[in-house]
Amino acid sequence: MKKKYLFFLLVFILLGCNKRDHKVSWNGHYILPISIDTINAAKILGVDHLTLSNDETHCIYNNNFEFLQLEQSDLLPNLNFNWRDTLEIPSLIHGIAFPPGFEIPISYNENEVFNLGDVQIKEINFNSLKLKYTIKSNINGQLYLILKIPTAQDNLGIEFTDTIQIPSSNGVLQTFEGSIYLDNYLFDLSKNNSSFNNISTSIRFGFSSNNTQNILFNNEDFLSINLNLEELDINSVYGYLGNKKISDTSEFEILATENFSSSSITIEDPELNVIIENGVGVDAQIKINEVLFKKDQASFSLQHPIIGQTINLSRAVEVAGQYQYGNAEINFTNQNSNLKEIISLFPEKIDLKYELETNPLGNHSAFNDFYKSPHSISINSDLKIPLKFNLNHFKYSDTISFNIIENIQPNHAIIGIKIENEFPINCCLSVKFLNGDSLLIDSNCIASASVDSSGLLIQSNLSNMEIHLDSATTNYLINEKKFIFEMIFNSADNSLNFPVLDFQNLYYKIDLELNTEIEIN
């Protein structure tokens, strides 16, 4: 009997199993974390850190940047040391059979004077260089060539000498190339102070002991060598370094202002120091024609008595192993310039237009100029902005992006914002979409924190804010997956400049609360 019941039960179950042809859905209530962050003065200004003032009452934005650093190629001409020597074989030795290992008793001495413009070099010291040689020969036999540069000495005072092996040309003119690498060689280009820009060589040649038979010369035999100094890593140069004129514009980014703007801001006593350093043994003159600050498409010229005036730079000197630069410094302050008005606009970039001339009086030092690596001529700047502000509608904005699960149909949503303000300034919040549409925030402002006379925190202010979204707005937000979050700061007291300290922060946390219907096919 039990078997019959089980049979009929199984039949009823199978007859009742039909394929589901509808979706499964259910309502849900979710709170999704969107963003959490800490905002401080360093983050607003786009810098890694701020320094503390000497009296520890406020922070200082300090930016050091380099406008100019002359390269070796800016100070020295193109040193093209390339010369050729043809070794003429005397006719009196034609027809003489020379045995293997025999050296021709003739020295081929050459003195090459190089045209370096108005530069006249007495001495040049190389950290390293490459001596490239190109030899042409049609001599039927293996040769060796002894190359000497009497005025090139290593750090032990030993003159340069090297032997180059030349394969047999078998009577056909052929070219043979090679390189010799030299380290720490000093070249005397003055011939013992009698001239300048000279390199002397002495060459002898002979027959390799590898030859198996005697060598005969005839009037068709030819031998020449081309020498070229390459890959010059110069340590120092002495002589007259010539008259150079350089005119250029250098640009530097000082503030990353893409995330903030302000209707007006008052700043206490900013300073800009321009330091010009001459590390080369030449007299120089520099003229700063313009210092231009840029913000968006606007430009603002810095006014100062030194603009457009010639500044004399004394040469560097080296005494008893001590290197001393020739320096000049220009200080821009509220008292001598319009720097405060310009910095209050929070410019993004600074341009410096300058003219530089070396040896304006010519060979004034009587061939005692010098260049010594890595010393150069440079222009550096130091911008200091004390963070003691009075703000009006200072806006900091950020684009918040988030991810969310698919296949949800929100009925409505709430953006919840929790904020804690430790700044001694008021803060109001604004949220809008990328198309510019703003969202209404209930009670969107938070008062400034309570601080003592030194700016130390007494009591922060806390606030919870909500933005209620209808179904259409919620769906638009979920599709975009991003929105713009703005904080607008205003001074609590317009008559006072408040100090900013590195431990003052504004904390916020943003959540998205969704009432949704989720479907599964």
Protein backbone atom coordinates (compact mmCIF):
# COMPACT_ATOMS: atom_id res chain seq x y z
CA MET A 1 0.00 0.00 0.00
CA LYS A 2 2.83 2.41 0.89
CA LYS A 3 4.40 1.80 -2.51
CA LYS A 4 1.16 2.99 -4.23
CA TYR A 5 1.07 6.22 -2.21
CA LEU A 6 4.70 6.98 -3.03
CA PHE A 7 4.07 6.37 -6.72
CA PHE A 8 1.06 8.76 -6.87
CA LEU A 9 2.98 11.42 -4.85
CA LEU A 10 5.87 11.33 -7.31
CA VAL A 11 3.46 11.69 -10.26
CA PHE A 12 1.76 14.74 -8.69
CA ILE A 13 5.14 16.41 -8.03
CA LEU A 14 6.32 15.88 -11.60
CA LEU A 15 3.02 17.18 -13.04
CA GLY A 16 3.35 20.30 -10.89
CA CYS A 17 6.92 21.24 -12.04
CA ASN A 18 6.56 23.98 -14.70
CA LYS A 19 9.37 26.29 -15.94
CA ARG A 20 9.43 29.71 -14.15
CA ASP A 21 8.76 32.50 -16.65
CA HIS A 22 8.98 35.56 -14.36
CA LYS A 23 11.78 37.54 -12.58
CA VAL A 24 12.56 37.33 -8.88
CA SER A 25 12.81 40.67 -7.08
CA TRP A 26 12.86 42.05 -3.57
CA ASN A 27 13.16 45.37 -1.84
CA GLY A 28 16.38 46.32 -0.10
CA HIS A 29 17.78 49.01 2.15
CA TYR A 30 21.52 49.62 1.83
CA ILE A 31 24.10 52.06 3.17
CA LEU A 32 27.16 52.26 0.91
CA PRO A 33 30.33 54.12 1.96
CA ILE A 34 31.24 56.58 -0.80
CA SER A 35 34.22 58.59 0.47
CA ILE A 36 36.16 59.36 3.62
CA ASP A 37 38.97 61.90 3.77
CA THR A 38 40.95 64.34 5.88
CA ILE A 39 41.49 67.85 4.52
CA ASN A 40 44.31 70.05 5.78
CA ALA A 41 46.17 73.08 4.48
CA ALA A 42 48.88 71.01 2.79
CA LYS A 43 46.31 69.01 0.82
CA ILE A 44 44.42 72.12 -0.22
CA LEU A 45 47.63 73.71 -1.50
CA GLY A 46 48.73 70.50 -3.23
CA VAL A 47 52.02 70.08 -1.32
CA ASP A 48 53.49 67.21 0.67
CA HIS A 49 54.10 69.14 3.85
CA LEU A 50 54.31 72.59 5.40
CA THR A 51 56.99 74.02 7.65
CA LEU A 52 56.38 75.62 11.03
CA SER A 53 57.30 79.25 11.65
CA ASN A 54 60.17 80.01 14.02
CA ASP A 55 57.78 81.14 16.74
CA GLU A 56 55.60 78.05 16.09
CA THR A 57 52.46 80.17 15.71
CA HIS A 58 51.59 79.26 12.12
CA CYS A 59 52.66 77.16 9.14
CA ILE A 60 54.59 78.41 6.13
CA TYR A 61 54.23 77.32 2.53
CA ASN A 62 57.85 77.13 1.33
CA ASN A 63 58.67 76.39 -2.31
CA ASN A 64 62.22 76.26 -3.67
CA PHE A 65 62.63 76.12 -7.42
CA GLU A 66 65.39 76.47 -9.96
CA PHE A 67 65.01 78.92 -12.84
CA LEU A 68 68.39 78.42 -14.43
CA GLN A 69 71.26 75.95 -14.29
CA LEU A 70 73.70 76.49 -17.12
CA GLU A 71 75.06 73.34 -18.70
CA GLN A 72 78.67 72.78 -19.70
CA SER A 73 77.66 73.32 -23.33
CA ASP A 74 76.24 76.76 -22.41
CA LEU A 75 79.55 77.92 -20.93
CA LEU A 76 82.03 76.31 -23.32
CA PRO A 77 82.13 76.24 -27.13
CA ASN A 78 81.79 73.08 -29.16
CA LEU A 79 85.20 71.51 -28.53
CA ASN A 80 85.80 69.86 -31.88
CA PHE A 81 89.28 68.36 -31.51
CA ASN A 82 89.74 66.65 -34.86
CA TRP A 83 92.94 66.59 -36.92
CA ARG A 84 94.72 64.58 -39.60
CA ASP A 85 98.35 63.72 -40.22
CA THR A 86 99.70 62.17 -43.45
CA LEU A 87 102.95 60.33 -42.87
CA GLU A 88 104.98 61.08 -45.98
CA ILE A 89 107.41 58.27 -46.72
CA PRO A 90 110.79 59.68 -47.89
CA SER A 91 111.83 58.62 -51.37
CA LEU A 92 115.34 57.81 -50.16
CA ILE A 93 114.05 54.66 -48.44
CA HIS A 94 112.18 53.41 -51.52
CA GLY A 95 113.42 49.99 -52.61
CA ILE A 96 115.10 49.21 -49.29
CA ALA A 97 114.10 45.85 -47.77
CA PHE A 98 113.13 46.31 -44.12
CA PRO A 99 113.08 43.19 -41.96
CA PRO A 100 110.23 42.31 -39.53
CA GLY A 101 110.46 44.27 -36.26
CA PHE A 102 112.37 47.23 -37.79
CA GLU A 103 111.27 50.76 -36.72
CA ILE A 104 111.66 53.64 -39.21
CA PRO A 105 113.92 56.23 -37.47
CA ILE A 106 111.69 59.18 -38.41
CA SER A 107 109.36 61.09 -36.03
CA TYR A 108 106.33 62.79 -37.55
CA ASN A 109 105.60 65.76 -35.31
CA GLU A 110 102.40 67.74 -35.71
CA ASN A 111 101.05 70.82 -33.91
CA GLU A 112 97.35 71.50 -34.43
CA VAL A 113 95.78 74.85 -33.49
CA PHE A 114 92.00 74.66 -33.07
CA ASN A 115 89.59 77.47 -33.81
CA LEU A 116 87.36 77.85 -30.73
CA GLY A 117 86.01 81.31 -31.50
CA ASP A 118 87.10 83.83 -28.88
CA VAL A 119 87.84 81.06 -26.35
CA GLN A 120 91.54 80.53 -25.67
CA ILE A 121 92.27 77.46 -23.57
CA LYS A 122 95.52 76.95 -21.67
CA GLU A 123 94.64 73.69 -19.95
CA ILE A 124 91.83 71.18 -19.98
CA ASN A 125 91.44 68.29 -17.57
CA PHE A 126 89.27 65.33 -18.57
CA ASN A 127 87.59 62.87 -16.28
CA SER A 128 87.38 60.65 -19.32
CA LEU A 129 87.42 60.83 -23.11
CA LYS A 130 87.70 58.64 -26.17
CA LEU A 131 90.54 59.04 -28.67
CA LYS A 132 89.21 57.71 -31.95
CA TYR A 133 91.67 57.00 -34.76
CA THR A 134 91.11 56.31 -38.44
CA ILE A 135 94.12 54.95 -40.36
CA LYS A 136 94.40 54.63 -44.14
CA SER A 137 97.13 52.44 -45.60
CA ASN A 138 97.96 50.51 -48.78
CA ILE A 139 101.27 49.13 -47.53
CA ASN A 140 101.85 45.45 -48.24
CA GLY A 141 102.78 44.32 -44.74
CA GLN A 142 101.77 44.55 -41.10
CA LEU A 143 102.77 47.80 -39.36
CA TYR A 144 102.74 49.25 -35.89
CA LEU A 145 102.32 52.92 -35.12
CA ILE A 146 103.56 54.62 -31.92
CA LEU A 147 101.35 57.59 -31.04
CA LYS A 148 102.51 60.15 -28.47
CA ILE A 149 100.78 63.29 -27.19
CA PRO A 150 103.60 64.94 -25.21
CA THR A 151 101.35 67.55 -23.54
CA ALA A 152 98.73 65.02 -22.39
CA GLN A 153 99.59 63.54 -19.00
CA ASP A 154 97.79 61.19 -16.63
CA ASN A 155 97.39 61.84 -12.91
CA LEU A 156 100.90 60.45 -12.34
CA GLY A 157 102.44 62.98 -14.76
CA ILE A 158 103.17 60.33 -17.44
CA GLU A 159 102.64 61.52 -21.01
CA PHE A 160 100.26 59.65 -23.27
CA THR A 161 101.86 56.92 -25.43
CA ASP A 162 100.14 54.01 -27.18
CA THR A 163 101.00 51.51 -29.89
CA ILE A 164 98.48 50.76 -32.64
CA GLN A 165 98.71 47.60 -34.75
CA ILE A 166 97.87 48.02 -38.46
CA PRO A 167 97.03 44.91 -40.53
CA SER A 168 98.51 44.39 -43.98
CA SER A 169 96.62 46.14 -46.80
CA ASN A 170 98.09 43.86 -49.48
CA GLY A 171 98.76 46.86 -51.72
CA VAL A 172 95.13 48.07 -51.72
CA LEU A 173 94.13 51.28 -49.86
CA GLN A 174 92.11 50.27 -46.80
CA THR A 175 90.71 52.02 -43.72
CA PHE A 176 91.26 50.78 -40.16
CA GLU A 177 89.43 52.31 -37.16
CA GLY A 178 89.74 51.97 -33.43
CA SER A 179 89.40 53.82 -30.12
CA ILE A 180 91.56 54.41 -27.07
CA TYR A 181 89.83 55.33 -23.80
CA LEU A 182 91.61 57.76 -21.49
CA ASP A 183 90.79 58.53 -17.85
CA ASN A 184 92.00 61.50 -15.80
CA TYR A 185 94.23 63.10 -18.44
CA LEU A 186 95.40 66.69 -18.37
CA PHE A 187 95.98 68.38 -21.75
CA ASP A 188 98.31 71.41 -21.82
CA LEU A 189 97.05 73.41 -24.80
CA SER A 190 99.37 76.38 -24.22
CA LYS A 191 102.73 74.92 -25.23
CA ASN A 192 104.13 76.05 -21.90
CA ASN A 193 102.18 79.33 -21.89
CA SER A 194 103.40 80.37 -25.35
CA SER A 195 100.07 79.91 -27.18
CA PHE A 196 96.53 78.53 -26.83
CA ASN A 197 94.24 75.83 -28.23
CA ASN A 198 97.17 73.64 -29.31
CA ILE A 199 97.55 69.87 -29.32
CA SER A 200 100.89 68.38 -30.36
CA THR A 201 101.46 64.80 -31.48
CA SER A 202 104.50 62.72 -32.32
CA ILE A 203 104.19 59.56 -34.46
CA ARG A 204 106.67 56.86 -35.40
CA PHE A 205 106.01 53.62 -37.27
CA GLY A 206 107.70 50.34 -37.90
CA PHE A 207 107.14 46.81 -39.22
CA SER A 208 105.47 44.16 -37.13
CA SER A 209 107.57 41.20 -36.08
CA ASN A 210 104.66 39.07 -37.32
CA ASN A 211 105.68 39.71 -40.93
CA THR A 212 107.23 36.62 -42.55
CA GLN A 213 109.26 38.53 -45.13
CA ASN A 214 111.01 41.87 -45.66
CA ILE A 215 108.95 44.95 -46.59
CA LEU A 216 109.80 47.13 -49.60
CA PHE A 217 108.54 50.71 -50.00
CA ASN A 218 107.73 52.31 -53.34
CA ASN A 219 106.42 55.69 -54.45
CA GLU A 220 102.79 54.43 -54.41
CA ASP A 221 102.75 53.60 -50.69
CA PHE A 222 100.43 55.74 -48.52
CA LEU A 223 99.88 56.04 -44.74
CA SER A 224 97.73 58.62 -42.87
CA ILE A 225 96.00 58.91 -39.50
CA ASN A 226 92.97 60.95 -38.44
CA LEU A 227 92.52 61.65 -34.72
CA ASN A 228 89.35 62.79 -32.98
CA LEU A 229 88.63 63.39 -29.28
CA GLU A 230 85.08 62.25 -28.46
CA GLU A 231 82.80 61.70 -25.47
CA LEU A 232 84.49 64.47 -23.55
CA ASP A 233 83.77 64.40 -19.83
CA ILE A 234 85.43 67.62 -18.73
CA ASN A 235 86.63 68.17 -15.19
CA SER A 236 88.12 71.64 -15.59
CA VAL A 237 89.16 74.23 -18.15
CA TYR A 238 91.56 77.16 -17.69
CA GLY A 239 92.27 80.11 -19.99
CA TYR A 240 89.94 82.75 -21.42
CA LEU A 241 86.39 81.36 -21.69
CA GLY A 242 85.14 84.05 -24.04
CA ASN A 243 82.18 86.40 -24.10
CA LYS A 244 78.82 84.59 -23.97
CA LYS A 245 75.36 86.16 -24.21
CA ILE A 246 72.35 84.13 -23.16
CA SER A 247 68.75 85.32 -23.22
CA ASP A 248 65.90 83.05 -22.15
CA THR A 249 62.67 82.60 -20.19
CA SER A 250 62.26 79.99 -17.46
CA GLU A 251 58.87 78.84 -16.17
CA PHE A 252 58.04 77.06 -12.94
CA GLU A 253 54.79 75.85 -11.37
CA ILE A 254 54.42 77.20 -7.86
CA LEU A 255 50.91 76.17 -6.78
CA ALA A 256 48.59 73.40 -7.93
CA THR A 257 45.42 75.51 -7.92
CA GLU A 258 43.12 73.35 -10.05
CA ASN A 259 41.17 72.30 -6.94
CA PHE A 260 40.62 75.68 -5.31
CA SER A 261 39.67 79.29 -6.02
CA SER A 262 38.77 82.35 -3.97
CA SER A 263 36.89 85.61 -4.37
CA SER A 264 39.42 87.35 -2.15
CA ILE A 265 42.13 86.33 0.26
CA THR A 266 44.44 88.35 2.51
CA ILE A 267 47.92 86.97 3.24
CA GLU A 268 50.49 88.30 5.65
CA ASP A 269 53.98 89.17 4.43
CA PRO A 270 54.90 86.75 1.63
CA GLU A 271 58.54 86.78 0.50
CA LEU A 272 60.31 85.82 -2.72
CA ASN A 273 64.08 85.52 -2.66
CA VAL A 274 65.95 85.16 -5.95
CA ILE A 275 69.48 83.84 -5.44
CA ILE A 276 71.97 84.12 -8.30
CA GLU A 277 75.13 82.04 -7.89
CA ASN A 278 78.22 82.19 -10.07
CA GLY A 279 80.30 79.05 -9.68
CA VAL A 280 82.45 79.75 -12.75
CA GLY A 281 85.70 81.70 -12.80
CA VAL A 282 84.36 84.42 -15.09
CA ASP A 283 82.96 87.89 -14.48
CA ALA A 284 79.29 88.09 -15.43
CA GLN A 285 76.35 90.44 -15.64
CA ILE A 286 72.70 89.48 -15.40
CA LYS A 287 69.54 91.45 -16.03
CA ILE A 288 66.11 90.25 -14.91
CA ASN A 289 63.77 91.80 -17.45
CA GLU A 290 60.49 90.47 -16.07
CA VAL A 291 59.01 88.30 -13.33
CA LEU A 292 55.56 87.24 -14.48
CA PHE A 293 52.98 85.38 -12.39
CA LYS A 294 50.25 83.48 -14.24
CA LYS A 295 46.79 82.30 -13.25
CA ASP A 296 44.43 80.82 -15.81
CA GLN A 297 44.77 83.13 -18.82
CA ALA A 298 45.83 86.21 -16.84
CA SER A 299 49.38 87.46 -16.15
CA PHE A 300 50.65 89.80 -13.44
CA SER A 301 54.05 91.51 -13.50
CA LEU A 302 56.07 91.75 -10.32
CA GLN A 303 57.21 95.32 -9.67
CA HIS A 304 60.61 95.97 -8.08
CA PRO A 305 63.39 98.56 -8.59
CA ILE A 306 65.85 95.84 -9.72
CA ILE A 307 63.68 94.74 -12.67
CA GLY A 308 65.46 95.69 -15.91
CA GLN A 309 68.65 96.73 -14.10
CA THR A 310 72.10 95.18 -14.60
CA ILE A 311 73.45 93.08 -11.74
CA ASN A 312 77.20 92.50 -11.59
CA LEU A 313 78.34 89.01 -10.56
CA SER A 314 81.85 88.51 -9.28
CA ARG A 315 83.69 85.41 -10.43
CA ALA A 316 84.09 82.27 -8.37
CA VAL A 317 87.46 81.79 -6.69
CA GLU A 318 89.28 78.76 -5.35
CA VAL A 319 91.67 79.40 -2.49
CA ALA A 320 93.52 76.65 -0.64
CA GLY A 321 91.05 74.07 -1.87
CA GLN A 322 88.05 76.14 -0.77
CA TYR A 323 85.55 77.02 -3.49
CA GLN A 324 83.76 80.36 -3.15
CA TYR A 325 80.87 81.44 -5.36
CA GLY A 326 80.08 84.92 -6.50
CA ASN A 327 76.54 85.58 -5.25
CA ALA A 328 73.77 88.12 -5.65
CA GLU A 329 70.40 88.04 -3.91
CA ILE A 330 67.17 89.91 -4.61
CA ASN A 331 64.52 90.04 -1.92
CA PHE A 332 60.90 90.80 -2.90
CA THR A 333 58.67 91.84 0.02
CA ASN A 334 55.57 93.93 0.75
CA GLN A 335 57.81 96.96 1.28
CA ASN A 336 59.54 96.97 -2.12
CA SER A 337 57.12 95.19 -4.48
CA ASN A 338 53.54 94.24 -5.22
CA LEU A 339 54.18 90.61 -4.25
CA LYS A 340 51.42 90.51 -1.61
CA GLU A 341 48.72 91.55 -4.07
CA ILE A 342 49.89 88.95 -6.61
CA ILE A 343 50.23 86.04 -4.16
CA SER A 344 46.74 86.80 -2.82
CA LEU A 345 45.48 85.71 -6.26
CA PHE A 346 47.11 82.29 -5.79
CA PRO A 347 48.98 82.24 -9.12
CA GLU A 348 49.81 78.86 -10.67
CA LYS A 349 53.07 79.60 -12.49
CA ILE A 350 55.94 82.04 -12.50
CA ASP A 351 58.02 83.11 -15.51
CA LEU A 352 61.45 84.73 -15.27
CA LYS A 353 62.90 86.48 -18.31
CA TYR A 354 66.61 87.20 -18.07
CA GLU A 355 69.75 88.16 -20.00
CA LEU A 356 73.17 86.84 -18.98
CA GLU A 357 76.56 87.93 -20.28
CA THR A 358 79.91 86.42 -19.30
CA ASN A 359 83.14 88.41 -19.46
CA PRO A 360 81.40 91.68 -20.43
CA LEU A 361 84.80 93.44 -20.25
CA GLY A 362 86.55 90.80 -22.39
CA ASN A 363 89.74 89.07 -21.27
CA HIS A 364 89.86 91.09 -18.08
CA SER A 365 91.52 88.30 -16.09
CA ALA A 366 94.44 87.84 -18.53
CA PHE A 367 93.64 84.15 -19.33
CA ASN A 368 92.80 83.23 -15.75
CA ASP A 369 89.18 82.22 -16.30
CA PHE A 370 88.22 78.72 -15.26
CA TYR A 371 85.38 76.26 -15.35
CA LYS A 372 85.32 73.37 -12.91
CA SER A 373 82.65 70.67 -13.00
CA PRO A 374 80.00 70.52 -11.57
CA HIS A 375 80.00 74.22 -10.65
CA SER A 376 77.93 76.49 -12.85
CA ILE A 377 75.86 79.68 -12.99
CA SER A 378 72.37 79.26 -11.55
CA ILE A 379 69.27 81.20 -10.54
CA ASN A 380 67.24 79.73 -7.70
CA SER A 381 64.20 81.08 -5.88
CA ASP A 382 62.62 80.61 -2.50
CA LEU A 383 58.94 81.52 -2.13
CA LYS A 384 57.57 81.76 1.42
CA ILE A 385 53.89 82.30 2.17
CA PRO A 386 52.94 82.57 5.86
CA LEU A 387 49.63 80.73 6.30
CA LYS A 388 47.88 83.52 8.16
CA PHE A 389 44.75 84.15 6.13
CA ASN A 390 41.56 86.09 5.89
CA LEU A 391 39.30 84.29 3.44
CA ASN A 392 36.19 85.18 1.52
CA HIS A 393 34.49 82.36 -0.41
CA PHE A 394 37.58 80.17 -0.63
CA LYS A 395 36.36 77.13 -2.56
CA TYR A 396 38.01 73.71 -2.51
CA SER A 397 36.46 71.12 -4.83
CA ASP A 398 37.02 67.46 -5.52
CA THR A 399 35.39 64.94 -7.83
CA ILE A 400 34.10 61.92 -5.90
CA SER A 401 33.83 58.66 -7.86
CA PHE A 402 32.29 55.43 -6.58
CA ASN A 403 31.19 51.96 -7.70
CA ILE A 404 27.84 50.30 -7.08
CA ILE A 405 26.26 46.92 -7.78
CA GLU A 406 24.33 46.43 -11.03
CA ASN A 407 20.64 45.61 -11.59
CA ILE A 408 19.19 47.83 -8.89
CA GLN A 409 16.08 50.00 -9.25
CA PRO A 410 16.28 52.69 -6.56
CA ASN A 411 13.10 54.20 -5.26
CA HIS A 412 14.94 57.04 -3.57
CA ALA A 413 18.26 57.71 -1.82
CA ILE A 414 19.90 59.84 0.83
CA ILE A 415 23.46 61.16 0.68
CA GLY A 416 24.64 61.39 4.26
CA ILE A 417 27.61 63.63 5.16
CA LYS A 418 29.32 63.55 8.52
CA ILE A 419 31.80 66.37 9.03
CA GLU A 420 34.10 67.57 11.80
CA ASN A 421 35.69 71.00 11.52
CA GLU A 422 38.91 71.81 13.43
CA PHE A 423 39.66 74.93 11.35
CA PRO A 424 39.04 78.37 12.88
CA ILE A 425 36.96 79.19 9.78
CA ASN A 426 33.38 78.52 8.75
CA CYS A 427 32.73 75.89 6.11
CA CYS A 428 29.70 75.40 3.85
CA LEU A 429 29.22 72.36 1.60
CA SER A 430 27.93 72.03 -1.93
CA VAL A 431 27.26 68.90 -3.98
CA LYS A 432 26.54 69.00 -7.69
CA PHE A 433 26.66 66.82 -10.75
CA LEU A 434 29.19 67.23 -13.53
CA ASN A 435 26.50 68.91 -15.68
CA GLY A 436 26.31 71.72 -13.09
CA ASP A 437 23.03 70.76 -11.40
CA SER A 438 23.25 71.36 -7.64
CA LEU A 439 21.68 69.22 -4.94
CA LEU A 440 19.88 70.74 -1.98
CA ILE A 441 21.58 70.14 1.38
CA ASP A 442 19.69 70.64 4.60
CA SER A 443 21.73 72.98 6.86
CA ASN A 444 24.84 72.85 4.68
CA CYS A 445 27.17 74.97 6.84
CA ILE A 446 29.30 74.16 9.86
CA ALA A 447 30.71 76.79 12.18
CA SER A 448 34.39 77.29 12.87
CA ALA A 449 36.15 75.42 15.65
CA SER A 450 36.97 77.09 18.94
CA VAL A 451 40.68 77.85 19.22
CA ASP A 452 42.83 79.81 21.64
CA SER A 453 44.96 82.86 20.80
CA SER A 454 47.73 80.57 19.52
CA GLY A 455 45.40 78.71 17.17
CA LEU A 456 45.34 75.60 19.35
CA LEU A 457 42.12 73.65 19.20
CA ILE A 458 39.71 73.99 22.11
CA GLN A 459 36.62 72.40 20.60
CA SER A 460 35.86 71.15 17.11
CA ASN A 461 32.41 71.39 15.53
CA LEU A 462 30.47 68.34 14.35
CA SER A 463 27.60 68.17 11.91
CA ASN A 464 25.48 65.56 10.10
CA MET A 465 23.98 66.64 6.80
CA GLU A 466 21.61 64.93 4.41
CA ILE A 467 20.68 65.26 0.75
CA HIS A 468 17.38 63.60 -0.19
CA LEU A 469 17.15 62.35 -3.76
CA ASP A 470 14.04 61.30 -5.65
CA SER A 471 13.99 58.26 -7.93
CA ALA A 472 15.02 60.11 -11.11
CA THR A 473 17.91 61.94 -9.43
CA THR A 474 19.03 58.74 -7.72
CA ASN A 475 19.11 56.87 -11.03
CA TYR A 476 21.10 59.70 -12.63
CA LEU A 477 23.64 59.56 -9.77
CA ILE A 478 23.98 55.77 -10.05
CA ASN A 479 24.53 55.98 -13.81
CA GLU A 480 27.12 58.76 -13.50
CA LYS A 481 28.89 57.19 -10.48
CA LYS A 482 30.50 60.51 -9.64
CA PHE A 483 29.72 63.98 -8.32
CA ILE A 484 31.54 67.20 -7.37
CA PHE A 485 32.02 67.86 -3.66
CA GLU A 486 32.78 71.48 -2.75
CA MET A 487 33.81 73.08 0.52
CA ILE A 488 33.49 76.86 0.75
CA PHE A 489 35.52 78.47 3.55
CA ASN A 490 34.94 81.93 5.01
CA SER A 491 36.72 83.65 7.87
CA ALA A 492 34.71 83.82 11.06
CA ASP A 493 36.09 87.33 11.69
CA ASN A 494 36.88 89.44 8.62
CA SER A 495 39.04 91.79 10.68
CA LEU A 496 41.57 89.09 11.72
CA ASN A 497 44.02 86.87 9.88
CA PHE A 498 43.75 83.39 11.35
CA PRO A 499 46.86 81.17 11.64
CA VAL A 500 46.89 77.73 10.01
CA LEU A 501 48.70 74.93 11.84
CA ASP A 502 49.61 71.51 10.48
CA PHE A 503 47.41 69.69 13.01
CA GLN A 504 44.22 71.51 11.99
CA ASN A 505 41.99 69.27 9.90
CA LEU A 506 38.55 68.89 8.46
CA TYR A 507 37.23 65.30 8.43
CA TYR A 508 34.33 64.10 6.34
CA LYS A 509 32.58 60.85 5.57
CA ILE A 510 30.02 60.42 2.79
CA ASP A 511 27.55 57.51 2.63
CA LEU A 512 24.85 56.68 0.12
CA GLU A 513 21.67 55.22 1.62
CA LEU A 514 19.51 53.42 -0.97
CA ASN A 515 15.96 52.08 -0.89
CA THR A 516 15.93 49.79 -3.89
CA GLU A 517 14.33 46.91 -5.72
CA ILE A 518 16.82 44.29 -6.91
CA GLU A 519 15.92 41.95 -9.78
CA ILE A 520 17.40 38.60 -10.80
CA ASN A 521 16.41 37.15 -14.19
